[in-house]
Amino acid sequence: MFLLISGSTLLYKTNNLEKYGTLWQDTSLTCEEVTITNATTSFNFKKNGRSFILNGVVSQPTKYVVTNNVGSIVLIIKNTSTSDEGEYRCSIGFIKESAPYDLKVEG
């Protein structure tokens, strides 16, 4: 659900760069490569420019859960609140960061 263009090469898939979560429910964001690699053990997530998952290590394991599949990382934000709103970016392996994913919380 993230998009990054390097020259004319599409590196991340996307459907929409805006995501709506529901207050007090879990929200998931998917970081999925177009070119499947074996480098999915190394991935990062940032919120508003600050890393909260670095090299696959989750800084707040009670707030964030990550499922790791080949070429795809799913971030689950537990019990979503308005403080979770913001700009999220991901990177998988050695690929540059994705375009921003803007999360808004409703409800």
PDB file of N, CA and C in Angstrom:
ATOM      1  N   MET A   1       0.811  -1.180   0.000  1.00  0.00           N
ATOM      2  CA  MET A   1       0.000   0.000   0.000  1.00  0.00           C
ATOM      3  C   MET A   1       0.863   1.257   0.000  1.00  0.00           C
ATOM      4  N   PHE A   2       2.154   1.075  -0.168  1.00  0.00           N
ATOM      5  CA  PHE A   2       3.068   2.200  -0.231  1.00  0.00           C
ATOM      6  C   PHE A   2       3.607   2.303  -1.640  1.00  0.00           C
ATOM      7  N   LEU A   3       3.993   3.482  -2.034  1.00  0.00           N
ATOM      8  CA  LEU A   3       4.468   3.714  -3.389  1.00  0.00           C
ATOM      9  C   LEU A   3       5.769   4.477  -3.330  1.00  0.00           C
ATOM     10  N   LEU A   4       6.736   4.010  -4.101  1.00  0.00           N
ATOM     11  CA  LEU A   4       7.985   4.745  -4.238  1.00  0.00           C
ATOM     12  C   LEU A   4       8.421   4.630  -5.671  1.00  0.00           C
ATOM     13  N   ILE A   5       8.763   5.747  -6.277  1.00  0.00           N
ATOM     14  CA  ILE A   5       9.235   5.717  -7.653  1.00  0.00           C
ATOM     15  C   ILE A   5      10.687   6.152  -7.666  1.00  0.00           C
ATOM     16  N   SER A   6      11.552   5.302  -8.211  1.00  0.00           N
ATOM     17  CA  SER A   6      12.969   5.602  -8.343  1.00  0.00           C
ATOM     18  C   SER A   6      13.268   5.555  -9.832  1.00  0.00           C
ATOM     19  N   GLY A   7      13.442   6.712 -10.449  1.00  0.00           N
ATOM     20  CA  GLY A   7      13.495   6.763 -11.901  1.00  0.00           C
ATOM     21  C   GLY A   7      12.133   6.379 -12.410  1.00  0.00           C
ATOM     22  N   SER A   8      12.044   5.300 -13.186  1.00  0.00           N
ATOM     23  CA  SER A   8      10.735   4.845 -13.646  1.00  0.00           C
ATOM     24  C   SER A   8      10.380   3.488 -13.048  1.00  0.00           C
ATOM     25  N   THR A   9      11.120   3.054 -12.038  1.00  0.00           N
ATOM     26  CA  THR A   9      10.900   1.745 -11.442  1.00  0.00           C
ATOM     27  C   THR A   9       9.977   1.844 -10.233  1.00  0.00           C
ATOM     28  N   LEU A  10       8.867   1.142 -10.280  1.00  0.00           N
ATOM     29  CA  LEU A  10       7.937   1.092  -9.153  1.00  0.00           C
ATOM     30  C   LEU A  10       8.461   0.066  -8.163  1.00  0.00           C
ATOM     31  N   LEU A  11       8.712   0.486  -6.913  1.00  0.00           N
ATOM     32  CA  LEU A  11       9.275  -0.411  -5.915  1.00  0.00           C
ATOM     33  C   LEU A  11       8.253  -0.896  -4.907  1.00  0.00           C
ATOM     34  N   TYR A  12       7.254  -0.070  -4.576  1.00  0.00           N
ATOM     35  CA  TYR A  12       6.221  -0.459  -3.612  1.00  0.00           C
ATOM     36  C   TYR A  12       4.857  -0.359  -4.271  1.00  0.00           C
ATOM     37  N   LYS A  13       3.985  -1.318  -3.947  1.00  0.00           N
ATOM     38  CA  LYS A  13       2.613  -1.297  -4.452  1.00  0.00           C
ATOM     39  C   LYS A  13       1.787  -0.311  -3.641  1.00  0.00           C
ATOM     40  N   THR A  14       0.715   0.183  -4.239  1.00  0.00           N
ATOM     41  CA  THR A  14      -0.191   1.055  -3.503  1.00  0.00           C
ATOM     42  C   THR A  14      -1.577   1.020  -4.126  1.00  0.00           C
ATOM     43  N   ASN A  15      -2.590   1.206  -3.302  1.00  0.00           N
ATOM     44  CA  ASN A  15      -3.951   1.415  -3.781  1.00  0.00           C
ATOM     45  C   ASN A  15      -4.373   2.834  -3.465  1.00  0.00           C
ATOM     46  N   ASN A  16      -3.953   3.312  -2.327  1.00  0.00           N
ATOM     47  CA  ASN A  16      -4.358   4.630  -1.859  1.00  0.00           C
ATOM     48  C   ASN A  16      -3.349   5.053  -0.800  1.00  0.00           C
ATOM     49  N   LEU A  17      -2.896   6.289  -0.848  1.00  0.00           N
ATOM     50  CA  LEU A  17      -1.929   6.756   0.127  1.00  0.00           C
ATOM     51  C   LEU A  17      -2.601   7.343   1.359  1.00  0.00           C
ATOM     52  N   GLU A  18      -3.930   7.299   1.401  1.00  0.00           N
ATOM     53  CA  GLU A  18      -4.651   7.781   2.566  1.00  0.00           C
ATOM     54  C   GLU A  18      -5.401   6.602   3.171  1.00  0.00           C
ATOM     55  N   LYS A  19      -5.283   6.440   4.478  1.00  0.00           N
ATOM     56  CA  LYS A  19      -5.907   5.311   5.171  1.00  0.00           C
ATOM     57  C   LYS A  19      -6.726   5.841   6.334  1.00  0.00           C
ATOM     58  N   TYR A  20      -7.899   5.275   6.527  1.00  0.00           N
ATOM     59  CA  TYR A  20      -8.745   5.646   7.652  1.00  0.00           C
ATOM     60  C   TYR A  20      -8.834   4.483   8.615  1.00  0.00           C
ATOM     61  N   GLY A  21      -8.535   4.755   9.890  1.00  0.00           N
ATOM     62  CA  GLY A  21      -8.670   3.770  10.943  1.00  0.00           C
ATOM     63  C   GLY A  21      -9.887   4.126  11.780  1.00  0.00           C
ATOM     64  N   THR A  22     -10.394   3.147  12.524  1.00  0.00           N
ATOM     65  CA  THR A  22     -11.547   3.368  13.386  1.00  0.00           C
ATOM     66  C   THR A  22     -11.070   3.443  14.832  1.00  0.00           C
ATOM     67  N   LEU A  23     -11.552   4.457  15.524  1.00  0.00           N
ATOM     68  CA  LEU A  23     -11.177   4.685  16.915  1.00  0.00           C
ATOM     69  C   LEU A  23     -11.405   3.431  17.753  1.00  0.00           C
ATOM     70  N   TRP A  24     -10.419   3.044  18.529  1.00  0.00           N
ATOM     71  CA  TRP A  24     -10.394   1.930  19.470  1.00  0.00           C
ATOM     72  C   TRP A  24     -10.421   0.561  18.808  1.00  0.00           C
ATOM     73  N   GLN A  25     -10.204   0.504  17.500  1.00  0.00           N
ATOM     74  CA  GLN A  25     -10.098  -0.771  16.798  1.00  0.00           C
ATOM     75  C   GLN A  25      -8.684  -0.894  16.236  1.00  0.00           C
ATOM     76  N   ASP A  26      -8.297  -2.106  15.859  1.00  0.00           N
ATOM     77  CA  ASP A  26      -6.983  -2.303  15.265  1.00  0.00           C
ATOM     78  C   ASP A  26      -6.993  -1.810  13.821  1.00  0.00           C
ATOM     79  N   THR A  27      -5.879  -1.209  13.414  1.00  0.00           N
ATOM     80  CA  THR A  27      -5.719  -0.705  12.054  1.00  0.00           C
ATOM     81  C   THR A  27      -4.474  -1.336  11.459  1.00  0.00           C
ATOM     82  N   SER A  28      -4.552  -1.791  10.213  1.00  0.00           N
ATOM     83  CA  SER A  28      -3.372  -2.389   9.591  1.00  0.00           C
ATOM     84  C   SER A  28      -2.924  -1.593   8.370  1.00  0.00           C
ATOM     85  N   LEU A  29      -1.609  -1.489   8.233  1.00  0.00           N
ATOM     86  CA  LEU A  29      -0.975  -0.848   7.092  1.00  0.00           C
ATOM     87  C   LEU A  29      -0.053  -1.884   6.460  1.00  0.00           C
ATOM     88  N   THR A  30      -0.095  -1.998   5.148  1.00  0.00           N
ATOM     89  CA  THR A  30       0.714  -2.997   4.462  1.00  0.00           C
ATOM     90  C   THR A  30       1.805  -2.334   3.650  1.00  0.00           C
ATOM     91  N   CYS A  31       3.001  -2.781   3.861  1.00  0.00           N
ATOM     92  CA  CYS A  31       4.152  -2.346   3.090  1.00  0.00           C
ATOM     93  C   CYS A  31       4.514  -3.521   2.187  1.00  0.00           C
ATOM     94  N   GLU A  32       4.287  -3.379   0.882  1.00  0.00           N
ATOM     95  CA  GLU A  32       4.455  -4.509  -0.026  1.00  0.00           C
ATOM     96  C   GLU A  32       5.292  -4.112  -1.223  1.00  0.00           C
ATOM     97  N   GLU A  33       6.352  -4.871  -1.445  1.00  0.00           N
ATOM     98  CA  GLU A  33       7.224  -4.628  -2.585  1.00  0.00           C
ATOM     99  C   GLU A  33       6.616  -5.168  -3.865  1.00  0.00           C
ATOM    100  N   VAL A  34       6.949  -4.538  -4.968  1.00  0.00           N
ATOM    101  CA  VAL A  34       6.578  -5.070  -6.274  1.00  0.00           C
ATOM    102  C   VAL A  34       7.529  -6.209  -6.629  1.00  0.00           C
ATOM    103  N   THR A  35       8.805  -6.014  -6.376  1.00  0.00           N
ATOM    104  CA  THR A  35       9.811  -7.024  -6.645  1.00  0.00           C
ATOM    105  C   THR A  35      10.050  -7.789  -5.357  1.00  0.00           C
ATOM    106  N   ILE A  36       9.625  -9.028  -5.312  1.00  0.00           N
ATOM    107  CA  ILE A  36       9.766  -9.835  -4.103  1.00  0.00           C
ATOM    108  C   ILE A  36      11.244 -10.146  -3.878  1.00  0.00           C
ATOM    109  N   THR A  37      11.707  -9.914  -2.642  1.00  0.00           N
ATOM    110  CA  THR A  37      13.101 -10.212  -2.300  1.00  0.00           C
ATOM    111  C   THR A  37      13.136 -11.080  -1.056  1.00  0.00           C
ATOM    112  N   ASN A  38      14.313 -11.529  -0.711  1.00  0.00           N
ATOM    113  CA  ASN A  38      14.492 -12.300   0.515  1.00  0.00           C
ATOM    114  C   ASN A  38      14.940 -11.415   1.662  1.00  0.00           C
ATOM    115  N   ALA A  39      14.931 -10.097   1.475  1.00  0.00           N
ATOM    116  CA  ALA A  39      15.465  -9.166   2.466  1.00  0.00           C
ATOM    117  C   ALA A  39      14.413  -8.712   3.477  1.00  0.00           C
ATOM    118  N   THR A  40      13.294  -9.426   3.581  1.00  0.00           N
ATOM    119  CA  THR A  40      12.212  -8.967   4.449  1.00  0.00           C
ATOM    120  C   THR A  40      12.530  -9.073   5.930  1.00  0.00           C
ATOM    121  N   THR A  41      13.666  -9.669   6.293  1.00  0.00           N
ATOM    122  CA  THR A  41      14.028  -9.692   7.703  1.00  0.00           C
ATOM    123  C   THR A  41      14.479  -8.318   8.173  1.00  0.00           C
ATOM    124  N   SER A  42      14.832  -7.451   7.244  1.00  0.00           N
ATOM    125  CA  SER A  42      15.239  -6.092   7.573  1.00  0.00           C
ATOM    126  C   SER A  42      14.181  -5.123   7.059  1.00  0.00           C
ATOM    127  N   PHE A  43      13.427  -4.535   7.985  1.00  0.00           N
ATOM    128  CA  PHE A  43      12.416  -3.565   7.589  1.00  0.00           C
ATOM    129  C   PHE A  43      12.295  -2.501   8.660  1.00  0.00           C
ATOM    130  N   ASN A  44      11.830  -1.336   8.241  1.00  0.00           N
ATOM    131  CA  ASN A  44      11.702  -0.188   9.133  1.00  0.00           C
ATOM    132  C   ASN A  44      10.355   0.487   8.916  1.00  0.00           C
ATOM    133  N   PHE A  45       9.829   1.083   9.976  1.00  0.00           N
ATOM    134  CA  PHE A  45       8.652   1.941   9.882  1.00  0.00           C
ATOM    135  C   PHE A  45       8.947   3.245  10.611  1.00  0.00           C
ATOM    136  N   LYS A  46       8.467   4.341  10.041  1.00  0.00           N
ATOM    137  CA  LYS A  46       8.578   5.650  10.672  1.00  0.00           C
ATOM    138  C   LYS A  46       7.196   6.266  10.762  1.00  0.00           C
ATOM    139  N   LYS A  47       6.993   7.042  11.813  1.00  0.00           N
ATOM    140  CA  LYS A  47       5.780   7.844  11.952  1.00  0.00           C
ATOM    141  C   LYS A  47       6.237   9.280  12.140  1.00  0.00           C
ATOM    142  N   ASN A  48       5.758  10.153  11.265  1.00  0.00           N
ATOM    143  CA  ASN A  48       6.123  11.574  11.310  1.00  0.00           C
ATOM    144  C   ASN A  48       7.635  11.769  11.388  1.00  0.00           C
ATOM    145  N   GLY A  49       8.375  10.943  10.628  1.00  0.00           N
ATOM    146  CA  GLY A  49       9.823  11.080  10.533  1.00  0.00           C
ATOM    147  C   GLY A  49      10.625  10.389  11.624  1.00  0.00           C
ATOM    148  N   ARG A  50       9.962   9.781  12.598  1.00  0.00           N
ATOM    149  CA  ARG A  50      10.676   9.122  13.709  1.00  0.00           C
ATOM    150  C   ARG A  50      10.482   7.609  13.633  1.00  0.00           C
ATOM    151  N   SER A  51      11.593   6.876  13.688  1.00  0.00           N
ATOM    152  CA  SER A  51      11.543   5.417  13.619  1.00  0.00           C
ATOM    153  C   SER A  51      10.908   4.835  14.879  1.00  0.00           C
ATOM    154  N   PHE A  52      10.001   3.879  14.680  1.00  0.00           N
ATOM    155  CA  PHE A  52       9.463   3.142  15.813  1.00  0.00           C
ATOM    156  C   PHE A  52       9.605   1.640  15.601  1.00  0.00           C
ATOM    157  N   ILE A  53      10.000   1.257  14.398  1.00  0.00           N
ATOM    158  CA  ILE A  53      10.418  -0.112  14.116  1.00  0.00           C
ATOM    159  C   ILE A  53      11.696   0.003  13.300  1.00  0.00           C
ATOM    160  N   LEU A  54      12.794  -0.487  13.857  1.00  0.00           N
ATOM    161  CA  LEU A  54      14.094  -0.364  13.211  1.00  0.00           C
ATOM    162  C   LEU A  54      14.711  -1.748  13.085  1.00  0.00           C
ATOM    163  N   ASN A  55      15.058  -2.126  11.858  1.00  0.00           N
ATOM    164  CA  ASN A  55      15.613  -3.460  11.574  1.00  0.00           C
ATOM    165  C   ASN A  55      14.723  -4.572  12.127  1.00  0.00           C
ATOM    166  N   GLY A  56      13.420  -4.380  12.031  1.00  0.00           N
ATOM    167  CA  GLY A  56      12.460  -5.387  12.463  1.00  0.00           C
ATOM    168  C   GLY A  56      12.166  -5.408  13.950  1.00  0.00           C
ATOM    169  N   VAL A  57      12.821  -4.550  14.732  1.00  0.00           N
ATOM    170  CA  VAL A  57      12.613  -4.527  16.177  1.00  0.00           C
ATOM    171  C   VAL A  57      11.536  -3.492  16.506  1.00  0.00           C
ATOM    172  N   VAL A  58      10.455  -3.951  17.122  1.00  0.00           N
ATOM    173  CA  VAL A  58       9.317  -3.100  17.455  1.00  0.00           C
ATOM    174  C   VAL A  58       9.587  -2.409  18.788  1.00  0.00           C
ATOM    175  N   SER A  59       9.545  -1.076  18.799  1.00  0.00           N
ATOM    176  CA  SER A  59       9.853  -0.322  20.024  1.00  0.00           C
ATOM    177  C   SER A  59       8.749  -0.412  21.075  1.00  0.00           C
ATOM    178  N   GLN A  60       7.499  -0.582  20.642  1.00  0.00           N
ATOM    179  CA  GLN A  60       6.366  -0.674  21.566  1.00  0.00           C
ATOM    180  C   GLN A  60       5.544  -1.927  21.225  1.00  0.00           C
ATOM    181  N   PRO A  61       5.984  -3.099  21.678  1.00  0.00           N
ATOM    182  CA  PRO A  61       5.308  -4.345  21.272  1.00  0.00           C
ATOM    183  C   PRO A  61       3.866  -4.476  21.738  1.00  0.00           C
ATOM    184  N   THR A  62       3.443  -3.705  22.738  1.00  0.00           N
ATOM    185  CA  THR A  62       2.040  -3.768  23.140  1.00  0.00           C
ATOM    186  C   THR A  62       1.165  -2.900  22.246  1.00  0.00           C
ATOM    187  N   LYS A  63       1.757  -1.968  21.528  1.00  0.00           N
ATOM    188  CA  LYS A  63       1.019  -1.064  20.641  1.00  0.00           C
ATOM    189  C   LYS A  63       1.050  -1.543  19.190  1.00  0.00           C
ATOM    190  N   TYR A  64       2.181  -2.082  18.760  1.00  0.00           N
ATOM    191  CA  TYR A  64       2.368  -2.480  17.362  1.00  0.00           C
ATOM    192  C   TYR A  64       2.678  -3.962  17.253  1.00  0.00           C
ATOM    193  N   VAL A  65       2.045  -4.608  16.283  1.00  0.00           N
ATOM    194  CA  VAL A  65       2.319  -6.000  15.955  1.00  0.00           C
ATOM    195  C   VAL A  65       2.674  -6.033  14.473  1.00  0.00           C
ATOM    196  N   VAL A  66       3.664  -6.835  14.128  1.00  0.00           N
ATOM    197  CA  VAL A  66       4.112  -6.914  12.745  1.00  0.00           C
ATOM    198  C   VAL A  66       4.061  -8.359  12.279  1.00  0.00           C
ATOM    199  N   THR A  67       3.481  -8.581  11.099  1.00  0.00           N
ATOM    200  CA  THR A  67       3.570  -9.895  10.462  1.00  0.00           C
ATOM    201  C   THR A  67       4.471  -9.727   9.252  1.00  0.00           C
ATOM    202  N   ASN A  68       5.351 -10.684   9.073  1.00  0.00           N
ATOM    203  CA  ASN A  68       6.388 -10.600   8.055  1.00  0.00           C
ATOM    204  C   ASN A  68       6.231 -11.757   7.084  1.00  0.00           C
ATOM    205  N   ASN A  69       5.872 -11.430   5.841  1.00  0.00           N
ATOM    206  CA  ASN A  69       5.786 -12.418   4.776  1.00  0.00           C
ATOM    207  C   ASN A  69       6.824 -12.035   3.731  1.00  0.00           C
ATOM    208  N   VAL A  70       7.136 -12.929   2.829  1.00  0.00           N
ATOM    209  CA  VAL A  70       8.120 -12.622   1.789  1.00  0.00           C
ATOM    210  C   VAL A  70       7.619 -11.453   0.953  1.00  0.00           C
ATOM    211  N   GLY A  71       8.346 -10.332   0.986  1.00  0.00           N
ATOM    212  CA  GLY A  71       8.007  -9.165   0.175  1.00  0.00           C
ATOM    213  C   GLY A  71       6.909  -8.287   0.735  1.00  0.00           C
ATOM    214  N   SER A  72       6.376  -8.633   1.899  1.00  0.00           N
ATOM    215  CA  SER A  72       5.260  -7.879   2.454  1.00  0.00           C
ATOM    216  C   SER A  72       5.362  -7.829   3.974  1.00  0.00           C
ATOM    217  N   ILE A  73       5.201  -6.627   4.533  1.00  0.00           N
ATOM    218  CA  ILE A  73       5.188  -6.441   5.977  1.00  0.00           C
ATOM    219  C   ILE A  73       3.854  -5.787   6.334  1.00  0.00           C
ATOM    220  N   VAL A  74       3.124  -6.367   7.286  1.00  0.00           N
ATOM    221  CA  VAL A  74       1.861  -5.786   7.725  1.00  0.00           C
ATOM    222  C   VAL A  74       2.055  -5.252   9.141  1.00  0.00           C
ATOM    223  N   LEU A  75       1.815  -3.964   9.297  1.00  0.00           N
ATOM    224  CA  LEU A  75       1.881  -3.309  10.602  1.00  0.00           C
ATOM    225  C   LEU A  75       0.468  -3.217  11.146  1.00  0.00           C
ATOM    226  N   ILE A  76       0.245  -3.745  12.351  1.00  0.00           N
ATOM    227  CA  ILE A  76      -1.056  -3.648  13.003  1.00  0.00           C
ATOM    228  C   ILE A  76      -0.901  -2.685  14.178  1.00  0.00           C
ATOM    229  N   ILE A  77      -1.693  -1.633  14.162  1.00  0.00           N
ATOM    230  CA  ILE A  77      -1.713  -0.661  15.253  1.00  0.00           C
ATOM    231  C   ILE A  77      -2.862  -1.071  16.164  1.00  0.00           C
ATOM    232  N   LYS A  78      -2.526  -1.499  17.368  1.00  0.00           N
ATOM    233  CA  LYS A  78      -3.528  -1.998  18.311  1.00  0.00           C
ATOM    234  C   LYS A  78      -4.308  -0.839  18.929  1.00  0.00           C
ATOM    235  N   ASN A  79      -5.620  -1.031  19.075  1.00  0.00           N
ATOM    236  CA  ASN A  79      -6.467  -0.078  19.796  1.00  0.00           C
ATOM    237  C   ASN A  79      -6.241   1.361  19.313  1.00  0.00           C
ATOM    238  N   THR A  80      -6.431   1.577  18.045  1.00  0.00           N
ATOM    239  CA  THR A  80      -6.108   2.849  17.389  1.00  0.00           C
ATOM    240  C   THR A  80      -6.766   4.049  18.065  1.00  0.00           C
ATOM    241  N   SER A  81      -5.975   5.092  18.281  1.00  0.00           N
ATOM    242  CA  SER A  81      -6.489   6.339  18.852  1.00  0.00           C
ATOM    243  C   SER A  81      -6.068   7.506  17.964  1.00  0.00           C
ATOM    244  N   THR A  82      -6.561   8.680  18.279  1.00  0.00           N
ATOM    245  CA  THR A  82      -6.220   9.854  17.471  1.00  0.00           C
ATOM    246  C   THR A  82      -4.729  10.174  17.542  1.00  0.00           C
ATOM    247  N   SER A  83      -4.043   9.732  18.593  1.00  0.00           N
ATOM    248  CA  SER A  83      -2.595   9.969  18.672  1.00  0.00           C
ATOM    249  C   SER A  83      -1.819   9.133  17.648  1.00  0.00           C
ATOM    250  N   ASP A  84      -2.484   8.162  17.022  1.00  0.00           N
ATOM    251  CA  ASP A  84      -1.849   7.352  15.977  1.00  0.00           C
ATOM    252  C   ASP A  84      -1.923   8.009  14.602  1.00  0.00           C
ATOM    253  N   GLU A  85      -2.670   9.086  14.479  1.00  0.00           N
ATOM    254  CA  GLU A  85      -2.759   9.777  13.194  1.00  0.00           C
ATOM    255  C   GLU A  85      -1.388  10.323  12.814  1.00  0.00           C
ATOM    256  N   GLY A  86      -1.124  10.354  11.522  1.00  0.00           N
ATOM    257  CA  GLY A  86       0.134  10.931  11.054  1.00  0.00           C
ATOM    258  C   GLY A  86       0.611  10.293   9.771  1.00  0.00           C
ATOM    259  N   GLU A  87       1.838  10.632   9.423  1.00  0.00           N
ATOM    260  CA  GLU A  87       2.460  10.174   8.188  1.00  0.00           C
ATOM    261  C   GLU A  87       3.354   8.966   8.479  1.00  0.00           C
ATOM    262  N   TYR A  88       3.042   7.833   7.861  1.00  0.00           N
ATOM    263  CA  TYR A  88       3.806   6.606   8.034  1.00  0.00           C
ATOM    264  C   TYR A  88       4.581   6.310   6.762  1.00  0.00           C
ATOM    265  N   ARG A  89       5.785   5.812   6.926  1.00  0.00           N
ATOM    266  CA  ARG A  89       6.617   5.365   5.814  1.00  0.00           C
ATOM    267  C   ARG A  89       7.250   4.037   6.205  1.00  0.00           C
ATOM    268  N   CYS A  90       7.547   3.238   5.203  1.00  0.00           N
ATOM    269  CA  CYS A  90       8.214   1.969   5.474  1.00  0.00           C
ATOM    270  C   CYS A  90       9.383   1.795   4.519  1.00  0.00           C
ATOM    271  N   SER A  91      10.225   0.839   4.843  1.00  0.00           N
ATOM    272  CA  SER A  91      11.263   0.387   3.917  1.00  0.00           C
ATOM    273  C   SER A  91      11.522  -1.081   4.203  1.00  0.00           C
ATOM    274  N   ILE A  92      11.746  -1.833   3.140  1.00  0.00           N
ATOM    275  CA  ILE A  92      12.025  -3.258   3.245  1.00  0.00           C
ATOM    276  C   ILE A  92      13.403  -3.510   2.657  1.00  0.00           C
ATOM    277  N   GLY A  93      14.223  -4.228   3.402  1.00  0.00           N
ATOM    278  CA  GLY A  93      15.553  -4.559   2.911  1.00  0.00           C
ATOM    279  C   GLY A  93      16.357  -3.313   2.597  1.00  0.00           C
ATOM    280  N   PHE A  94      16.946  -3.303   1.421  1.00  0.00           N
ATOM    281  CA  PHE A  94      17.807  -2.194   1.025  1.00  0.00           C
ATOM    282  C   PHE A  94      17.088  -1.182   0.142  1.00  0.00           C
ATOM    283  N   ILE A  95      15.773  -1.325  -0.012  1.00  0.00           N
ATOM    284  CA  ILE A  95      15.005  -0.404  -0.851  1.00  0.00           C
ATOM    285  C   ILE A  95      14.744   0.878  -0.078  1.00  0.00           C
ATOM    286  N   LYS A  96      14.789   1.999  -0.779  1.00  0.00           N
ATOM    287  CA  LYS A  96      14.535   3.296  -0.137  1.00  0.00           C
ATOM    288  C   LYS A  96      13.142   3.334   0.478  1.00  0.00           C
ATOM    289  N   GLU A  97      12.895   4.375   1.274  1.00  0.00           N
ATOM    290  CA  GLU A  97      11.587   4.535   1.926  1.00  0.00           C
ATOM    291  C   GLU A  97      10.453   4.675   0.925  1.00  0.00           C
ATOM    292  N   SER A  98       9.294   4.257   1.361  1.00  0.00           N
ATOM    293  CA  SER A  98       8.080   4.423   0.561  1.00  0.00           C
ATOM    294  C   SER A  98       7.640   5.879   0.589  1.00  0.00           C
ATOM    295  N   ALA A  99       6.692   6.183  -0.251  1.00  0.00           N
ATOM    296  CA  ALA A  99       6.018   7.480  -0.178  1.00  0.00           C
ATOM    297  C   ALA A  99       5.216   7.510   1.122  1.00  0.00           C
ATOM    298  N   PRO A 100       4.820   8.688   1.594  1.00  0.00           N
ATOM    299  CA  PRO A 100       4.083   8.757   2.859  1.00  0.00           C
ATOM    300  C   PRO A 100       2.696   8.133   2.764  1.00  0.00           C
ATOM    301  N   TYR A 101       2.282   7.524   3.848  1.00  0.00           N
ATOM    302  CA  TYR A 101       0.964   6.955   3.987  1.00  0.00           C
ATOM    303  C   TYR A 101       0.292   7.750   5.098  1.00  0.00           C
ATOM    304  N   ASP A 102      -0.748   8.496   4.777  1.00  0.00           N
ATOM    305  CA  ASP A 102      -1.383   9.395   5.738  1.00  0.00           C
ATOM    306  C   ASP A 102      -2.524   8.676   6.444  1.00  0.00           C
ATOM    307  N   LEU A 103      -2.369   8.440   7.766  1.00  0.00           N
ATOM    308  CA  LEU A 103      -3.390   7.753   8.552  1.00  0.00           C
ATOM    309  C   LEU A 103      -4.258   8.750   9.288  1.00  0.00           C
ATOM    310  N   LYS A 104      -5.563   8.607   9.116  1.00  0.00           N
ATOM    311  CA  LYS A 104      -6.549   9.420   9.824  1.00  0.00           C
ATOM    312  C   LYS A 104      -7.442   8.475  10.617  1.00  0.00           C
ATOM    313  N   VAL A 105      -7.852   8.886  11.815  1.00  0.00           N
ATOM    314  CA  VAL A 105      -8.679   8.044  12.674  1.00  0.00           C
ATOM    315  C   VAL A 105     -10.062   8.654  12.786  1.00  0.00           C
ATOM    316  N   GLU A 106     -11.081   7.818  12.551  1.00  0.00           N
ATOM    317  CA  GLU A 106     -12.470   8.267  12.618  1.00  0.00           C
ATOM    318  C   GLU A 106     -13.186   7.557  13.762  1.00  0.00           C
ATOM    319  N   GLY A 107     -14.272   8.154  14.198  1.00  0.00           N
ATOM    320  CA  GLY A 107     -15.123   7.459  15.139  1.00  0.00           C
ATOM    321  C   GLY A 107     -15.146   8.070  16.463  1.00  0.00           C
TER     322      GLY A 107
END
